[in-house]
Amino acid sequence: MSSVELVNKIDHKDVKVITRRAEELGDNVMLVQTFPLELRYIQPHYPIVFQKVRDSDRFIVVALFGLEDGENLFLEEAGWNAGYIPLMMQRQPFQIGFQKGQDGVVRVLHIDMSSPRVSKTDGSSLFSEFGEQTEFLDYMASALETIHLWGEQGENFDKVLNKYNLLEPVTFDITLETGRQAQLLGFHTINEEVLAGLSGEALDELNKLGYLLPIYMAVASLANVKKLIKLKSQREAIDYQEA
């Protein structure tokens, strides 16, 4: 159970956050939500797909780290082996909160004290011995602000994609180097045929909304599915040798 608290220099003066990447710290996940403005950073490393929100007609855009639940193929003993870690992973164990202020509702920084990343002995401090915010806490506050702004910009991304019938369900047929075959289901991707047939007016609207480049980033990212298959094959080969 989470225990979310408003970050402050009195209650959290001795709190540290472990920043290394490991399974026991919650990094062994198959996917994470991302945003249109982040896709240029996501595209070189991870496949980008769309996941339907349960009991809704909405979709979120996600970066794939693995081919099955609870699997992050980029996570190794030495850490996270990729050139970029999505901000929704970086921000843990912090969250955006909202608080009433003199000028209305303001955004504030919260921390989940039940997270395995929270420590009193290891990691990066939130405050200096003089009660000042550390560079680490400043960075995390900036990351959360960026996530908020990215979320606002991409709020209607899926609605616009559906407006132009750009989302289609996909089945990834997977053959590992061991010969084992599997399928990855439950996601949507950009319909490239529909995208190629869009009118100039439609493309202009997508561009003005800031969605056209992210769409092409999502299309290009699907080449990274082969990377996941290779990493999965290597991991299964190691597991076989150790068995």
C-alpha atoms as a PDB file:
ATOM      1  CA  MET A   1       0.000   0.000   0.000  1.00  0.00           C
ATOM      2  CA  SER A   2       1.336   3.421  -0.937  1.00  0.00           C
ATOM      3  CA  SER A   3       2.005   6.096   1.640  1.00  0.00           C
ATOM      4  CA  VAL A   4       2.099   9.348  -0.288  1.00  0.00           C
ATOM      5  CA  GLU A   5       3.318  12.469   1.509  1.00  0.00           C
ATOM      6  CA  LEU A   6       3.901  16.079   0.547  1.00  0.00           C
ATOM      7  CA  VAL A   7       7.665  16.582   0.299  1.00  0.00           C
ATOM      8  CA  ASN A   8       8.975  18.969   2.937  1.00  0.00           C
ATOM      9  CA  LYS A   9      12.309  19.654   4.620  1.00  0.00           C
ATOM     10  CA  ILE A  10      11.055  18.767   8.114  1.00  0.00           C
ATOM     11  CA  ASP A  11       9.584  15.296   7.607  1.00  0.00           C
ATOM     12  CA  HIS A  12      11.996  14.332   4.852  1.00  0.00           C
ATOM     13  CA  LYS A  13      15.247  15.960   5.930  1.00  0.00           C
ATOM     14  CA  ASP A  14      16.972  12.557   6.181  1.00  0.00           C
ATOM     15  CA  VAL A  15      15.208  10.836   3.307  1.00  0.00           C
ATOM     16  CA  LYS A  16      17.230   9.485   0.396  1.00  0.00           C
ATOM     17  CA  VAL A  17      16.157   7.939  -2.897  1.00  0.00           C
ATOM     18  CA  ILE A  18      17.959   5.001  -4.494  1.00  0.00           C
ATOM     19  CA  THR A  19      18.465   5.834  -8.167  1.00  0.00           C
ATOM     20  CA  ARG A  20      20.092   2.654  -9.461  1.00  0.00           C
ATOM     21  CA  ARG A  21      17.962   0.407 -11.657  1.00  0.00           C
ATOM     22  CA  ALA A  22      17.065  -3.071 -10.427  1.00  0.00           C
ATOM     23  CA  GLU A  23      14.237  -5.605 -10.339  1.00  0.00           C
ATOM     24  CA  GLU A  24      13.781  -5.276  -6.570  1.00  0.00           C
ATOM     25  CA  LEU A  25      13.299  -1.523  -7.015  1.00  0.00           C
ATOM     26  CA  GLY A  26      10.318  -1.920  -9.330  1.00  0.00           C
ATOM     27  CA  ASP A  27      11.997  -1.657 -12.729  1.00  0.00           C
ATOM     28  CA  ASN A  28      11.070  -5.100 -14.055  1.00  0.00           C
ATOM     29  CA  VAL A  29       7.970  -3.934 -15.933  1.00  0.00           C
ATOM     30  CA  MET A  30       6.855  -4.677 -19.474  1.00  0.00           C
ATOM     31  CA  LEU A  31       5.864  -1.132 -20.440  1.00  0.00           C
ATOM     32  CA  VAL A  32       5.364   2.422 -19.273  1.00  0.00           C
ATOM     33  CA  GLN A  33       3.214   5.320 -20.402  1.00  0.00           C
ATOM     34  CA  THR A  34       4.875   7.951 -22.530  1.00  0.00           C
ATOM     35  CA  PHE A  35       3.743  11.127 -24.324  1.00  0.00           C
ATOM     36  CA  PRO A  36       3.806  12.561 -27.869  1.00  0.00           C
ATOM     37  CA  LEU A  37       6.550  15.069 -27.029  1.00  0.00           C
ATOM     38  CA  GLU A  38       8.717  12.300 -25.535  1.00  0.00           C
ATOM     39  CA  LEU A  39       8.524  10.002 -28.541  1.00  0.00           C
ATOM     40  CA  ARG A  40      11.571  11.487 -30.254  1.00  0.00           C
ATOM     41  CA  TYR A  41      13.612  10.235 -27.280  1.00  0.00           C
ATOM     42  CA  ILE A  42      11.762   6.914 -27.040  1.00  0.00           C
ATOM     43  CA  GLN A  43      11.913   5.997 -30.723  1.00  0.00           C
ATOM     44  CA  PRO A  44      15.628   5.068 -30.985  1.00  0.00           C
ATOM     45  CA  HIS A  45      15.346   2.534 -28.159  1.00  0.00           C
ATOM     46  CA  TYR A  46      11.863   1.053 -27.652  1.00  0.00           C
ATOM     47  CA  PRO A  47       8.807   0.024 -29.687  1.00  0.00           C
ATOM     48  CA  ILE A  48       5.969   2.531 -29.288  1.00  0.00           C
ATOM     49  CA  VAL A  49       2.430   1.139 -29.244  1.00  0.00           C
ATOM     50  CA  PHE A  50      -1.016   2.162 -28.027  1.00  0.00           C
ATOM     51  CA  GLN A  51      -2.879   0.465 -25.185  1.00  0.00           C
ATOM     52  CA  LYS A  52      -6.622   0.713 -24.676  1.00  0.00           C
ATOM     53  CA  VAL A  53      -7.667   2.048 -21.291  1.00  0.00           C
ATOM     54  CA  ARG A  54      -9.831  -0.515 -19.518  1.00  0.00           C
ATOM     55  CA  ASP A  55     -13.584   0.210 -19.587  1.00  0.00           C
ATOM     56  CA  SER A  56     -12.996   3.202 -21.844  1.00  0.00           C
ATOM     57  CA  ASP A  57     -12.685   4.145 -25.499  1.00  0.00           C
ATOM     58  CA  ARG A  58      -9.444   5.997 -24.794  1.00  0.00           C
ATOM     59  CA  PHE A  59      -5.880   4.926 -25.549  1.00  0.00           C
ATOM     60  CA  ILE A  60      -2.530   5.727 -23.974  1.00  0.00           C
ATOM     61  CA  VAL A  61       0.783   5.582 -25.779  1.00  0.00           C
ATOM     62  CA  VAL A  62       3.361   3.272 -24.193  1.00  0.00           C
ATOM     63  CA  ALA A  63       6.980   2.228 -24.611  1.00  0.00           C
ATOM     64  CA  LEU A  64       7.557  -1.543 -24.602  1.00  0.00           C
ATOM     65  CA  PHE A  65      10.424  -3.001 -22.573  1.00  0.00           C
ATOM     66  CA  GLY A  66       9.484  -6.668 -22.835  1.00  0.00           C
ATOM     67  CA  LEU A  67       7.322  -9.269 -24.532  1.00  0.00           C
ATOM     68  CA  GLU A  68       5.421 -10.491 -21.472  1.00  0.00           C
ATOM     69  CA  ASP A  69       4.149  -9.135 -18.167  1.00  0.00           C
ATOM     70  CA  GLY A  70       6.808  -8.405 -15.561  1.00  0.00           C
ATOM     71  CA  GLU A  71       9.646  -8.422 -18.079  1.00  0.00           C
ATOM     72  CA  ASN A  72      12.115  -5.628 -18.826  1.00  0.00           C
ATOM     73  CA  LEU A  73      14.643  -6.898 -21.344  1.00  0.00           C
ATOM     74  CA  PHE A  74      16.765  -3.771 -20.919  1.00  0.00           C
ATOM     75  CA  LEU A  75      17.282  -4.467 -17.225  1.00  0.00           C
ATOM     76  CA  GLU A  76      20.581  -6.194 -16.464  1.00  0.00           C
ATOM     77  CA  GLU A  77      22.667  -6.796 -13.360  1.00  0.00           C
ATOM     78  CA  ALA A  78      24.654  -3.656 -14.149  1.00  0.00           C
ATOM     79  CA  GLY A  79      21.501  -1.554 -14.534  1.00  0.00           C
ATOM     80  CA  TRP A  80      19.288  -0.312 -17.362  1.00  0.00           C
ATOM     81  CA  ASN A  81      21.000  -0.952 -20.693  1.00  0.00           C
ATOM     82  CA  ALA A  82      19.486   1.735 -22.931  1.00  0.00           C
ATOM     83  CA  GLY A  83      20.437   5.273 -23.854  1.00  0.00           C
ATOM     84  CA  TYR A  84      17.257   6.813 -22.468  1.00  0.00           C
ATOM     85  CA  ILE A  85      14.931   5.925 -19.600  1.00  0.00           C
ATOM     86  CA  PRO A  86      11.370   7.275 -19.977  1.00  0.00           C
ATOM     87  CA  LEU A  87      10.460  10.017 -17.528  1.00  0.00           C
ATOM     88  CA  MET A  88       7.600   8.014 -16.039  1.00  0.00           C
ATOM     89  CA  MET A  89      10.231   5.515 -14.883  1.00  0.00           C
ATOM     90  CA  GLN A  90      12.739   8.179 -13.865  1.00  0.00           C
ATOM     91  CA  ARG A  91      10.246  10.014 -11.657  1.00  0.00           C
ATOM     92  CA  GLN A  92       9.689   7.138  -9.205  1.00  0.00           C
ATOM     93  CA  PRO A  93       8.941   7.399  -6.278  1.00  0.00           C
ATOM     94  CA  PHE A  94       7.682  10.957  -6.832  1.00  0.00           C
ATOM     95  CA  GLN A  95       4.230  12.080  -7.936  1.00  0.00           C
ATOM     96  CA  ILE A  96       2.560  15.333  -8.873  1.00  0.00           C
ATOM     97  CA  GLY A  97       0.094  16.608  -6.305  1.00  0.00           C
ATOM     98  CA  PHE A  98      -2.274  19.561  -6.228  1.00  0.00           C
ATOM     99  CA  GLN A  99      -2.757  22.019  -3.410  1.00  0.00           C
ATOM    100  CA  LYS A 100      -4.859  25.134  -2.920  1.00  0.00           C
ATOM    101  CA  GLY A 101      -2.788  28.306  -2.790  1.00  0.00           C
ATOM    102  CA  GLN A 102      -3.396  32.032  -2.717  1.00  0.00           C
ATOM    103  CA  ASP A 103      -3.505  32.126  -6.512  1.00  0.00           C
ATOM    104  CA  GLY A 104      -5.596  28.982  -6.893  1.00  0.00           C
ATOM    105  CA  VAL A 105      -4.580  25.352  -7.245  1.00  0.00           C
ATOM    106  CA  VAL A 106      -0.830  24.796  -7.539  1.00  0.00           C
ATOM    107  CA  ARG A 107       1.214  21.711  -8.352  1.00  0.00           C
ATOM    108  CA  VAL A 108       3.331  20.262  -5.561  1.00  0.00           C
ATOM    109  CA  LEU A 109       5.740  17.362  -5.186  1.00  0.00           C
ATOM    110  CA  HIS A 110       4.724  14.190  -3.348  1.00  0.00           C
ATOM    111  CA  ILE A 111       6.743  11.097  -2.479  1.00  0.00           C
ATOM    112  CA  ASP A 112       5.557   7.532  -1.947  1.00  0.00           C
ATOM    113  CA  MET A 113       7.280   6.560   1.292  1.00  0.00           C
ATOM    114  CA  SER A 114       6.352   2.896   0.787  1.00  0.00           C
ATOM    115  CA  SER A 115       8.501   2.676  -2.353  1.00  0.00           C
ATOM    116  CA  PRO A 116      11.549   0.383  -2.167  1.00  0.00           C
ATOM    117  CA  ARG A 117      13.549   3.317  -3.501  1.00  0.00           C
ATOM    118  CA  VAL A 118      13.076   5.310  -0.292  1.00  0.00           C
ATOM    119  CA  SER A 119      15.926   4.900   2.199  1.00  0.00           C
ATOM    120  CA  LYS A 120      17.532   6.572   5.171  1.00  0.00           C
ATOM    121  CA  THR A 121      21.017   5.251   4.367  1.00  0.00           C
ATOM    122  CA  ASP A 122      21.497   4.856   0.603  1.00  0.00           C
ATOM    123  CA  GLY A 123      20.829   7.034  -2.401  1.00  0.00           C
ATOM    124  CA  SER A 124      20.463  10.720  -3.219  1.00  0.00           C
ATOM    125  CA  SER A 125      19.366  13.122  -0.492  1.00  0.00           C
ATOM    126  CA  LEU A 126      16.326  15.356  -0.918  1.00  0.00           C
ATOM    127  CA  PHE A 127      17.669  18.130   1.307  1.00  0.00           C
ATOM    128  CA  SER A 128      21.093  19.335   2.377  1.00  0.00           C
ATOM    129  CA  GLU A 129      22.145  19.511   6.021  1.00  0.00           C
ATOM    130  CA  PHE A 130      21.028  23.147   5.926  1.00  0.00           C
ATOM    131  CA  GLY A 131      17.518  22.258   4.735  1.00  0.00           C
ATOM    132  CA  GLU A 132      18.025  23.363   1.127  1.00  0.00           C
ATOM    133  CA  GLN A 133      16.704  21.352  -1.797  1.00  0.00           C
ATOM    134  CA  THR A 134      19.432  19.294  -3.439  1.00  0.00           C
ATOM    135  CA  GLU A 135      20.141  19.265  -7.170  1.00  0.00           C
ATOM    136  CA  PHE A 136      18.584  15.804  -7.241  1.00  0.00           C
ATOM    137  CA  LEU A 137      15.280  17.034  -5.815  1.00  0.00           C
ATOM    138  CA  ASP A 138      15.351  20.021  -8.170  1.00  0.00           C
ATOM    139  CA  TYR A 139      15.770  17.647 -11.090  1.00  0.00           C
ATOM    140  CA  MET A 140      12.903  15.434  -9.957  1.00  0.00           C
ATOM    141  CA  ALA A 141      10.630  18.460  -9.520  1.00  0.00           C
ATOM    142  CA  SER A 142      11.574  19.565 -13.041  1.00  0.00           C
ATOM    143  CA  ALA A 143      10.913  16.056 -14.405  1.00  0.00           C
ATOM    144  CA  LEU A 144       7.441  15.997 -12.825  1.00  0.00           C
ATOM    145  CA  GLU A 145       6.677  19.434 -14.258  1.00  0.00           C
ATOM    146  CA  THR A 146       7.743  18.211 -17.688  1.00  0.00           C
ATOM    147  CA  ILE A 147       5.499  15.149 -17.349  1.00  0.00           C
ATOM    148  CA  HIS A 148       2.575  17.418 -16.461  1.00  0.00           C
ATOM    149  CA  LEU A 149       3.164  19.654 -19.491  1.00  0.00           C
ATOM    150  CA  TRP A 150       3.681  16.691 -21.812  1.00  0.00           C
ATOM    151  CA  GLY A 151       0.462  15.185 -20.494  1.00  0.00           C
ATOM    152  CA  GLU A 152      -1.460  18.375 -21.231  1.00  0.00           C
ATOM    153  CA  GLN A 153      -0.059  18.624 -24.763  1.00  0.00           C
ATOM    154  CA  GLY A 154      -0.875  14.989 -25.502  1.00  0.00           C
ATOM    155  CA  GLU A 155      -4.263  14.865 -23.794  1.00  0.00           C
ATOM    156  CA  ASN A 156      -6.164  14.546 -27.074  1.00  0.00           C
ATOM    157  CA  PHE A 157      -3.571  12.548 -29.018  1.00  0.00           C
ATOM    158  CA  ASP A 158      -5.666   9.367 -29.168  1.00  0.00           C
ATOM    159  CA  LYS A 159      -8.853  11.276 -29.979  1.00  0.00           C
ATOM    160  CA  VAL A 160      -7.206  12.880 -33.003  1.00  0.00           C
ATOM    161  CA  LEU A 161      -5.744   9.544 -34.105  1.00  0.00           C
ATOM    162  CA  ASN A 162      -9.206   7.984 -33.922  1.00  0.00           C
ATOM    163  CA  LYS A 163     -10.707  10.937 -35.761  1.00  0.00           C
ATOM    164  CA  TYR A 164      -8.591   9.979 -38.781  1.00  0.00           C
ATOM    165  CA  ASN A 165      -8.870   6.199 -38.204  1.00  0.00           C
ATOM    166  CA  LEU A 166      -5.133   5.975 -37.644  1.00  0.00           C
ATOM    167  CA  LEU A 167      -5.183   3.295 -34.945  1.00  0.00           C
ATOM    168  CA  GLU A 168      -5.456  -0.399 -35.766  1.00  0.00           C
ATOM    169  CA  PRO A 169      -5.119  -3.542 -33.607  1.00  0.00           C
ATOM    170  CA  VAL A 170      -1.873  -5.418 -34.111  1.00  0.00           C
ATOM    171  CA  THR A 171      -0.606  -8.940 -33.539  1.00  0.00           C
ATOM    172  CA  PHE A 172       3.153  -9.372 -33.323  1.00  0.00           C
ATOM    173  CA  ASP A 173       4.204 -12.868 -34.434  1.00  0.00           C
ATOM    174  CA  ILE A 174       7.417 -13.671 -32.577  1.00  0.00           C
ATOM    175  CA  THR A 175       9.949 -16.374 -33.400  1.00  0.00           C
ATOM    176  CA  LEU A 176      12.871 -16.548 -30.994  1.00  0.00           C
ATOM    177  CA  GLU A 177      16.310 -17.792 -31.989  1.00  0.00           C
ATOM    178  CA  THR A 178      15.573 -20.922 -29.953  1.00  0.00           C
ATOM    179  CA  GLY A 179      12.725 -21.659 -32.361  1.00  0.00           C
ATOM    180  CA  ARG A 180      10.009 -20.948 -29.816  1.00  0.00           C
ATOM    181  CA  GLN A 181       7.074 -19.065 -31.271  1.00  0.00           C
ATOM    182  CA  ALA A 182       4.667 -16.709 -29.555  1.00  0.00           C
ATOM    183  CA  GLN A 183       2.309 -13.812 -30.202  1.00  0.00           C
ATOM    184  CA  LEU A 184       2.074 -10.394 -28.599  1.00  0.00           C
ATOM    185  CA  LEU A 185      -1.536  -9.220 -28.483  1.00  0.00           C
ATOM    186  CA  GLY A 186      -3.627  -6.429 -27.031  1.00  0.00           C
ATOM    187  CA  PHE A 187      -2.005  -3.370 -28.579  1.00  0.00           C
ATOM    188  CA  HIS A 188      -2.680  -0.938 -31.410  1.00  0.00           C
ATOM    189  CA  THR A 189      -0.302   0.728 -33.843  1.00  0.00           C
ATOM    190  CA  ILE A 190      -0.502   3.451 -36.485  1.00  0.00           C
ATOM    191  CA  ASN A 191      -2.208   2.309 -39.683  1.00  0.00           C
ATOM    192  CA  GLU A 192       0.452   3.232 -42.221  1.00  0.00           C
ATOM    193  CA  GLU A 193      -1.845   2.820 -45.213  1.00  0.00           C
ATOM    194  CA  VAL A 194      -4.370   5.277 -43.790  1.00  0.00           C
ATOM    195  CA  LEU A 195      -1.536   7.644 -42.804  1.00  0.00           C
ATOM    196  CA  ALA A 196      -0.163   7.619 -46.362  1.00  0.00           C
ATOM    197  CA  GLY A 197      -3.604   8.485 -47.722  1.00  0.00           C
ATOM    198  CA  LEU A 198      -4.341  11.470 -45.486  1.00  0.00           C
ATOM    199  CA  SER A 199      -5.224  14.735 -47.180  1.00  0.00           C
ATOM    200  CA  GLY A 200      -3.014  17.790 -46.983  1.00  0.00           C
ATOM    201  CA  GLU A 201      -5.610  19.415 -44.737  1.00  0.00           C
ATOM    202  CA  ALA A 202      -5.478  16.505 -42.288  1.00  0.00           C
ATOM    203  CA  LEU A 203      -1.681  16.487 -42.246  1.00  0.00           C
ATOM    204  CA  ASP A 204      -1.680  20.231 -41.648  1.00  0.00           C
ATOM    205  CA  GLU A 205      -3.987  19.838 -38.656  1.00  0.00           C
ATOM    206  CA  LEU A 206      -1.842  17.052 -37.185  1.00  0.00           C
ATOM    207  CA  ASN A 207       1.250  19.191 -37.663  1.00  0.00           C
ATOM    208  CA  LYS A 208      -0.293  22.257 -36.020  1.00  0.00           C
ATOM    209  CA  LEU A 209      -1.329  20.137 -33.028  1.00  0.00           C
ATOM    210  CA  GLY A 210       2.245  18.878 -32.688  1.00  0.00           C
ATOM    211  CA  TYR A 211       1.158  15.310 -33.386  1.00  0.00           C
ATOM    212  CA  LEU A 212       2.542  14.634 -36.872  1.00  0.00           C
ATOM    213  CA  LEU A 213       6.172  14.059 -35.862  1.00  0.00           C
ATOM    214  CA  PRO A 214       5.198  11.784 -32.920  1.00  0.00           C
ATOM    215  CA  ILE A 215       3.080   9.708 -35.320  1.00  0.00           C
ATOM    216  CA  TYR A 216       6.084   9.083 -37.560  1.00  0.00           C
ATOM    217  CA  MET A 217       8.237   8.407 -34.497  1.00  0.00           C
ATOM    218  CA  ALA A 218       5.747   5.711 -33.449  1.00  0.00           C
ATOM    219  CA  VAL A 219       5.851   4.152 -36.911  1.00  0.00           C
ATOM    220  CA  ALA A 220       9.652   4.150 -37.049  1.00  0.00           C
ATOM    221  CA  SER A 221       9.949   2.707 -33.537  1.00  0.00           C
ATOM    222  CA  LEU A 222       8.390  -0.614 -34.545  1.00  0.00           C
ATOM    223  CA  ALA A 223      11.774  -1.654 -35.923  1.00  0.00           C
ATOM    224  CA  ASN A 224      12.737  -2.061 -32.260  1.00  0.00           C
ATOM    225  CA  VAL A 225      10.472  -5.099 -31.935  1.00  0.00           C
ATOM    226  CA  LYS A 226      13.350  -7.030 -33.536  1.00  0.00           C
ATOM    227  CA  LYS A 227      15.589  -5.711 -30.766  1.00  0.00           C
ATOM    228  CA  LEU A 228      13.210  -7.092 -28.136  1.00  0.00           C
ATOM    229  CA  ILE A 229      13.153 -10.466 -29.883  1.00  0.00           C
ATOM    230  CA  LYS A 230      16.953 -10.561 -29.959  1.00  0.00           C
ATOM    231  CA  LEU A 231      17.228  -9.623 -26.282  1.00  0.00           C
ATOM    232  CA  LYS A 232      14.573 -12.207 -25.376  1.00  0.00           C
ATOM    233  CA  SER A 233      16.405 -14.875 -27.373  1.00  0.00           C
ATOM    234  CA  GLN A 234      19.687 -14.078 -25.642  1.00  0.00           C
ATOM    235  CA  ARG A 235      18.044 -14.235 -22.226  1.00  0.00           C
ATOM    236  CA  GLU A 236      16.365 -17.562 -22.938  1.00  0.00           C
ATOM    237  CA  ALA A 237      19.648 -18.998 -24.243  1.00  0.00           C
ATOM    238  CA  ILE A 238      21.388 -18.008 -20.997  1.00  0.00           C
ATOM    239  CA  ASP A 239      18.574 -19.477 -18.911  1.00  0.00           C
ATOM    240  CA  TYR A 240      18.806 -22.722 -20.903  1.00  0.00           C
ATOM    241  CA  GLN A 241      22.559 -22.971 -20.344  1.00  0.00           C
ATOM    242  CA  GLU A 242      22.160 -22.365 -16.610  1.00  0.00           C
ATOM    243  CA  ALA A 243      19.378 -24.948 -16.240  1.00  0.00           C
END
